[in-house]
Amino acid sequence: MLILGLKTAKIPRAEVMVQQRAGYIHGKPPKDKIGPVVSSVMSLTVLGPSGWILSHLDEYKSRD
């Protein structure tokens, strides 16, 4: 029972610490506007190779 009381006492402290640390983070507006074309190209650059690998995973497994 004493251990349970100590665990519940630590939870609010952790929440307070997270709120205090989040207070230091300040966002700024972007320097340049990023359009939908740039976002699409970036997404394809990141997700394209991984998608290709996942779609050809059976071929990689069958190489003996």
PDB file of N, CA and C in Angstrom:
ATOM      1  N   MET A   1       0.826  -1.183   0.000  1.00  0.00           N
ATOM      2  CA  MET A   1       0.000   0.000   0.000  1.00  0.00           C
ATOM      3  C   MET A   1       0.868   1.244   0.000  1.00  0.00           C
ATOM      4  N   LEU A   2       1.958   1.201   0.750  1.00  0.00           N
ATOM      5  CA  LEU A   2       2.866   2.340   0.800  1.00  0.00           C
ATOM      6  C   LEU A   2       3.529   2.565  -0.557  1.00  0.00           C
ATOM      7  N   ILE A   3       3.878   1.478  -1.240  1.00  0.00           N
ATOM      8  CA  ILE A   3       4.512   1.594  -2.556  1.00  0.00           C
ATOM      9  C   ILE A   3       3.532   2.190  -3.555  1.00  0.00           C
ATOM     10  N   LEU A   4       2.288   1.790  -3.508  1.00  0.00           N
ATOM     11  CA  LEU A   4       1.275   2.334  -4.401  1.00  0.00           C
ATOM     12  C   LEU A   4       1.122   3.832  -4.181  1.00  0.00           C
ATOM     13  N   GLY A   5       1.157   4.262  -2.944  1.00  0.00           N
ATOM     14  CA  GLY A   5       1.058   5.689  -2.639  1.00  0.00           C
ATOM     15  C   GLY A   5       2.242   6.469  -3.179  1.00  0.00           C
ATOM     16  N   LEU A   6       3.431   5.883  -3.152  1.00  0.00           N
ATOM     17  CA  LEU A   6       4.614   6.562  -3.672  1.00  0.00           C
ATOM     18  C   LEU A   6       4.578   6.665  -5.190  1.00  0.00           C
ATOM     19  N   LYS A   7       4.069   5.629  -5.855  1.00  0.00           N
ATOM     20  CA  LYS A   7       3.990   5.665  -7.309  1.00  0.00           C
ATOM     21  C   LYS A   7       3.007   6.725  -7.780  1.00  0.00           C
ATOM     22  N   THR A   8       1.885   6.855  -7.120  1.00  0.00           N
ATOM     23  CA  THR A   8       0.914   7.862  -7.533  1.00  0.00           C
ATOM     24  C   THR A   8       1.413   9.262  -7.225  1.00  0.00           C
ATOM     25  N   ALA A   9       2.288   9.409  -6.263  1.00  0.00           N
ATOM     26  CA  ALA A   9       2.820  10.731  -5.941  1.00  0.00           C
ATOM     27  C   ALA A   9       3.814  11.192  -7.000  1.00  0.00           C
ATOM     28  N   LYS A  10       4.472  10.271  -7.691  1.00  0.00           N
ATOM     29  CA  LYS A  10       5.458  10.637  -8.700  1.00  0.00           C
ATOM     30  C   LYS A  10       4.817  11.070 -10.012  1.00  0.00           C
ATOM     31  N   ILE A  11       3.630  10.607 -10.303  1.00  0.00           N
ATOM     32  CA  ILE A  11       2.983  10.916 -11.576  1.00  0.00           C
ATOM     33  C   ILE A  11       2.715  12.410 -11.738  1.00  0.00           C
ATOM     34  N   PRO A  12       2.133  13.103 -10.776  1.00  0.00           N
ATOM     35  CA  PRO A  12       1.929  14.544 -10.972  1.00  0.00           C
ATOM     36  C   PRO A  12       3.239  15.309 -11.125  1.00  0.00           C
ATOM     37  N   ARG A  13       4.288  14.879 -10.466  1.00  0.00           N
ATOM     38  CA  ARG A  13       5.572  15.557 -10.603  1.00  0.00           C
ATOM     39  C   ARG A  13       6.104  15.429 -12.025  1.00  0.00           C
ATOM     40  N   ALA A  14       5.938  14.259 -12.626  1.00  0.00           N
ATOM     41  CA  ALA A  14       6.395  14.065 -13.999  1.00  0.00           C
ATOM     42  C   ALA A  14       5.621  14.968 -14.946  1.00  0.00           C
ATOM     43  N   GLU A  15       4.324  15.107 -14.731  1.00  0.00           N
ATOM     44  CA  GLU A  15       3.521  15.978 -15.583  1.00  0.00           C
ATOM     45  C   GLU A  15       3.965  17.427 -15.442  1.00  0.00           C
ATOM     46  N   VAL A  16       4.282  17.842 -14.232  1.00  0.00           N
ATOM     47  CA  VAL A  16       4.745  19.214 -14.009  1.00  0.00           C
ATOM     48  C   VAL A  16       6.081  19.431 -14.705  1.00  0.00           C
ATOM     49  N   MET A  17       6.967  18.436 -14.637  1.00  0.00           N
ATOM     50  CA  MET A  17       8.265  18.570 -15.293  1.00  0.00           C
ATOM     51  C   MET A  17       8.118  18.685 -16.801  1.00  0.00           C
ATOM     52  N   VAL A  18       7.215  17.915 -17.383  1.00  0.00           N
ATOM     53  CA  VAL A  18       6.993  17.983 -18.825  1.00  0.00           C
ATOM     54  C   VAL A  18       6.439  19.346 -19.199  1.00  0.00           C
ATOM     55  N   GLN A  19       5.521  19.865 -18.422  1.00  0.00           N
ATOM     56  CA  GLN A  19       4.959  21.179 -18.706  1.00  0.00           C
ATOM     57  C   GLN A  19       6.018  22.262 -18.579  1.00  0.00           C
ATOM     58  N   GLN A  20       6.909  22.145 -17.617  1.00  0.00           N
ATOM     59  CA  GLN A  20       7.962  23.137 -17.458  1.00  0.00           C
ATOM     60  C   GLN A  20       8.936  23.083 -18.632  1.00  0.00           C
ATOM     61  N   ARG A  21       9.298  21.890 -19.072  1.00  0.00           N
ATOM     62  CA  ARG A  21      10.216  21.771 -20.204  1.00  0.00           C
ATOM     63  C   ARG A  21       9.557  22.237 -21.485  1.00  0.00           C
ATOM     64  N   ALA A  22       8.262  21.997 -21.631  1.00  0.00           N
ATOM     65  CA  ALA A  22       7.560  22.424 -22.832  1.00  0.00           C
ATOM     66  C   ALA A  22       7.475  23.941 -22.899  1.00  0.00           C
ATOM     67  N   GLY A  23       7.594  24.613 -21.773  1.00  0.00           N
ATOM     68  CA  GLY A  23       7.559  26.070 -21.765  1.00  0.00           C
ATOM     69  C   GLY A  23       8.769  26.694 -22.425  1.00  0.00           C
ATOM     70  N   TYR A  24       9.877  25.964 -22.518  1.00  0.00           N
ATOM     71  CA  TYR A  24      11.084  26.492 -23.141  1.00  0.00           C
ATOM     72  C   TYR A  24      11.037  26.416 -24.664  1.00  0.00           C
ATOM     73  N   ILE A  25      10.173  25.593 -25.203  1.00  0.00           N
ATOM     74  CA  ILE A  25      10.108  25.389 -26.646  1.00  0.00           C
ATOM     75  C   ILE A  25       9.222  26.470 -27.255  1.00  0.00           C
ATOM     76  N   HIS A  26       9.792  27.217 -28.168  1.00  0.00           N
ATOM     77  CA  HIS A  26       9.034  28.257 -28.853  1.00  0.00           C
ATOM     78  C   HIS A  26       9.125  28.005 -30.351  1.00  0.00           C
ATOM     79  N   GLY A  27       8.001  28.048 -31.025  1.00  0.00           N
ATOM     80  CA  GLY A  27       7.983  27.864 -32.460  1.00  0.00           C
ATOM     81  C   GLY A  27       8.057  29.192 -33.177  1.00  0.00           C
ATOM     82  N   LYS A  28       8.596  29.162 -34.367  1.00  0.00           N
ATOM     83  CA  LYS A  28       8.679  30.351 -35.205  1.00  0.00           C
ATOM     84  C   LYS A  28       7.996  30.035 -36.527  1.00  0.00           C
ATOM     85  N   PRO A  29       7.501  31.032 -37.202  1.00  0.00           N
ATOM     86  CA  PRO A  29       6.964  30.768 -38.537  1.00  0.00           C
ATOM     87  C   PRO A  29       8.109  30.394 -39.485  1.00  0.00           C
ATOM     88  N   PRO A  30       7.832  29.603 -40.499  1.00  0.00           N
ATOM     89  CA  PRO A  30       8.904  29.195 -41.411  1.00  0.00           C
ATOM     90  C   PRO A  30       9.466  30.379 -42.186  1.00  0.00           C
ATOM     91  N   LYS A  31      10.743  30.299 -42.526  1.00  0.00           N
ATOM     92  CA  LYS A  31      11.379  31.368 -43.301  1.00  0.00           C
ATOM     93  C   LYS A  31      10.816  31.410 -44.712  1.00  0.00           C
ATOM     94  N   ASP A  32      10.647  30.248 -45.320  1.00  0.00           N
ATOM     95  CA  ASP A  32      10.108  30.151 -46.676  1.00  0.00           C
ATOM     96  C   ASP A  32       8.844  29.306 -46.644  1.00  0.00           C
ATOM     97  N   LYS A  33       7.915  29.652 -47.504  1.00  0.00           N
ATOM     98  CA  LYS A  33       6.698  28.847 -47.598  1.00  0.00           C
ATOM     99  C   LYS A  33       7.008  27.570 -48.375  1.00  0.00           C
ATOM    100  N   ILE A  34       6.500  26.470 -47.874  1.00  0.00           N
ATOM    101  CA  ILE A  34       6.699  25.175 -48.520  1.00  0.00           C
ATOM    102  C   ILE A  34       5.387  24.789 -49.185  1.00  0.00           C
ATOM    103  N   GLY A  35       5.430  24.623 -50.491  1.00  0.00           N
ATOM    104  CA  GLY A  35       4.227  24.330 -51.251  1.00  0.00           C
ATOM    105  C   GLY A  35       3.917  22.850 -51.301  1.00  0.00           C
ATOM    106  N   PRO A  36       2.785  22.517 -51.901  1.00  0.00           N
ATOM    107  CA  PRO A  36       2.389  21.108 -51.988  1.00  0.00           C
ATOM    108  C   PRO A  36       3.309  20.284 -52.887  1.00  0.00           C
ATOM    109  N   VAL A  37       3.906  20.910 -53.892  1.00  0.00           N
ATOM    110  CA  VAL A  37       4.811  20.167 -54.779  1.00  0.00           C
ATOM    111  C   VAL A  37       6.063  19.747 -54.010  1.00  0.00           C
ATOM    112  N   VAL A  38       6.613  20.661 -53.242  1.00  0.00           N
ATOM    113  CA  VAL A  38       7.813  20.353 -52.461  1.00  0.00           C
ATOM    114  C   VAL A  38       7.501  19.283 -51.422  1.00  0.00           C
ATOM    115  N   SER A  39       6.343  19.379 -50.789  1.00  0.00           N
ATOM    116  CA  SER A  39       5.955  18.368 -49.800  1.00  0.00           C
ATOM    117  C   SER A  39       5.784  17.000 -50.454  1.00  0.00           C
ATOM    118  N   SER A  40       5.203  16.970 -51.647  1.00  0.00           N
ATOM    119  CA  SER A  40       5.014  15.703 -52.357  1.00  0.00           C
ATOM    120  C   SER A  40       6.346  15.083 -52.753  1.00  0.00           C
ATOM    121  N   VAL A  41       7.256  15.900 -53.268  1.00  0.00           N
ATOM    122  CA  VAL A  41       8.567  15.389 -53.671  1.00  0.00           C
ATOM    123  C   VAL A  41       9.325  14.859 -52.461  1.00  0.00           C
ATOM    124  N   MET A  42       9.255  15.572 -51.363  1.00  0.00           N
ATOM    125  CA  MET A  42       9.946  15.131 -50.150  1.00  0.00           C
ATOM    126  C   MET A  42       9.352  13.814 -49.641  1.00  0.00           C
ATOM    127  N   SER A  43       8.030  13.703 -49.678  1.00  0.00           N
ATOM    128  CA  SER A  43       7.383  12.462 -49.236  1.00  0.00           C
ATOM    129  C   SER A  43       7.778  11.285 -50.122  1.00  0.00           C
ATOM    130  N   LEU A  44       7.793  11.496 -51.435  1.00  0.00           N
ATOM    131  CA  LEU A  44       8.190  10.422 -52.346  1.00  0.00           C
ATOM    132  C   LEU A  44       9.655  10.046 -52.162  1.00  0.00           C
ATOM    133  N   THR A  45      10.495  11.034 -51.882  1.00  0.00           N
ATOM    134  CA  THR A  45      11.914  10.764 -51.672  1.00  0.00           C
ATOM    135  C   THR A  45      12.133   9.898 -50.440  1.00  0.00           C
ATOM    136  N   VAL A  46      11.360  10.150 -49.405  1.00  0.00           N
ATOM    137  CA  VAL A  46      11.524   9.397 -48.163  1.00  0.00           C
ATOM    138  C   VAL A  46      10.791   8.061 -48.222  1.00  0.00           C
ATOM    139  N   LEU A  47       9.551   8.071 -48.693  1.00  0.00           N
ATOM    140  CA  LEU A  47       8.718   6.869 -48.645  1.00  0.00           C
ATOM    141  C   LEU A  47       8.870   5.962 -49.862  1.00  0.00           C
ATOM    142  N   GLY A  48       9.344   6.484 -50.980  1.00  0.00           N
ATOM    143  CA  GLY A  48       9.463   5.697 -52.203  1.00  0.00           C
ATOM    144  C   GLY A  48      10.368   4.485 -52.063  1.00  0.00           C
ATOM    145  N   PRO A  49      11.623   4.676 -51.656  1.00  0.00           N
ATOM    146  CA  PRO A  49      12.512   3.507 -51.530  1.00  0.00           C
ATOM    147  C   PRO A  49      12.031   2.476 -50.512  1.00  0.00           C
ATOM    148  N   SER A  50      11.496   2.932 -49.404  1.00  0.00           N
ATOM    149  CA  SER A  50      11.016   1.969 -48.407  1.00  0.00           C
ATOM    150  C   SER A  50       9.804   1.205 -48.932  1.00  0.00           C
ATOM    151  N   GLY A  51       8.938   1.868 -49.675  1.00  0.00           N
ATOM    152  CA  GLY A  51       7.797   1.180 -50.275  1.00  0.00           C
ATOM    153  C   GLY A  51       8.221   0.161 -51.310  1.00  0.00           C
ATOM    154  N   TRP A  52       9.251   0.508 -52.090  1.00  0.00           N
ATOM    155  CA  TRP A  52       9.748  -0.420 -53.102  1.00  0.00           C
ATOM    156  C   TRP A  52      10.335  -1.657 -52.436  1.00  0.00           C
ATOM    157  N   ILE A  53      11.092  -1.453 -51.382  1.00  0.00           N
ATOM    158  CA  ILE A  53      11.688  -2.584 -50.661  1.00  0.00           C
ATOM    159  C   ILE A  53      10.600  -3.467 -50.065  1.00  0.00           C
ATOM    160  N   LEU A  54       9.584  -2.854 -49.457  1.00  0.00           N
ATOM    161  CA  LEU A  54       8.510  -3.649 -48.862  1.00  0.00           C
ATOM    162  C   LEU A  54       7.706  -4.405 -49.910  1.00  0.00           C
ATOM    163  N   SER A  55       7.520  -3.821 -51.088  1.00  0.00           N
ATOM    164  CA  SER A  55       6.753  -4.516 -52.121  1.00  0.00           C
ATOM    165  C   SER A  55       7.545  -5.666 -52.740  1.00  0.00           C
ATOM    166  N   HIS A  56       8.871  -5.626 -52.685  1.00  0.00           N
ATOM    167  CA  HIS A  56       9.711  -6.686 -53.234  1.00  0.00           C
ATOM    168  C   HIS A  56      10.333  -7.553 -52.144  1.00  0.00           C
ATOM    169  N   LEU A  57       9.742  -7.558 -50.976  1.00  0.00           N
ATOM    170  CA  LEU A  57      10.293  -8.296 -49.844  1.00  0.00           C
ATOM    171  C   LEU A  57      10.335  -9.803 -50.103  1.00  0.00           C
ATOM    172  N   ASP A  58       9.338 -10.327 -50.800  1.00  0.00           N
ATOM    173  CA  ASP A  58       9.324 -11.764 -51.102  1.00  0.00           C
ATOM    174  C   ASP A  58      10.505 -12.154 -51.991  1.00  0.00           C
ATOM    175  N   GLU A  59      10.887 -11.284 -52.916  1.00  0.00           N
ATOM    176  CA  GLU A  59      12.035 -11.575 -53.772  1.00  0.00           C
ATOM    177  C   GLU A  59      13.325 -11.612 -52.964  1.00  0.00           C
ATOM    178  N   TYR A  60      13.441 -10.733 -51.982  1.00  0.00           N
ATOM    179  CA  TYR A  60      14.631 -10.735 -51.137  1.00  0.00           C
ATOM    180  C   TYR A  60      14.696 -11.993 -50.275  1.00  0.00           C
ATOM    181  N   LYS A  61      13.541 -12.454 -49.813  1.00  0.00           N
ATOM    182  CA  LYS A  61      13.508 -13.654 -48.975  1.00  0.00           C
ATOM    183  C   LYS A  61      13.845 -14.910 -49.773  1.00  0.00           C
ATOM    184  N   SER A  62      13.460 -14.957 -51.051  1.00  0.00           N
ATOM    185  CA  SER A  62      13.635 -16.173 -51.848  1.00  0.00           C
ATOM    186  C   SER A  62      15.052 -16.333 -52.380  1.00  0.00           C
ATOM    187  N   ARG A  63      15.908 -15.351 -52.234  1.00  0.00           N
ATOM    188  CA  ARG A  63      17.292 -15.490 -52.698  1.00  0.00           C
ATOM    189  C   ARG A  63      18.037 -16.465 -51.795  1.00  0.00           C
ATOM    190  N   ASP A  64      18.498 -17.548 -52.378  1.00  0.00           N
ATOM    191  CA  ASP A  64      19.209 -18.573 -51.590  1.00  0.00           C
ATOM    192  C   ASP A  64      20.656 -18.650 -51.983  1.00  0.00           C
TER     193      ASP A  64
END
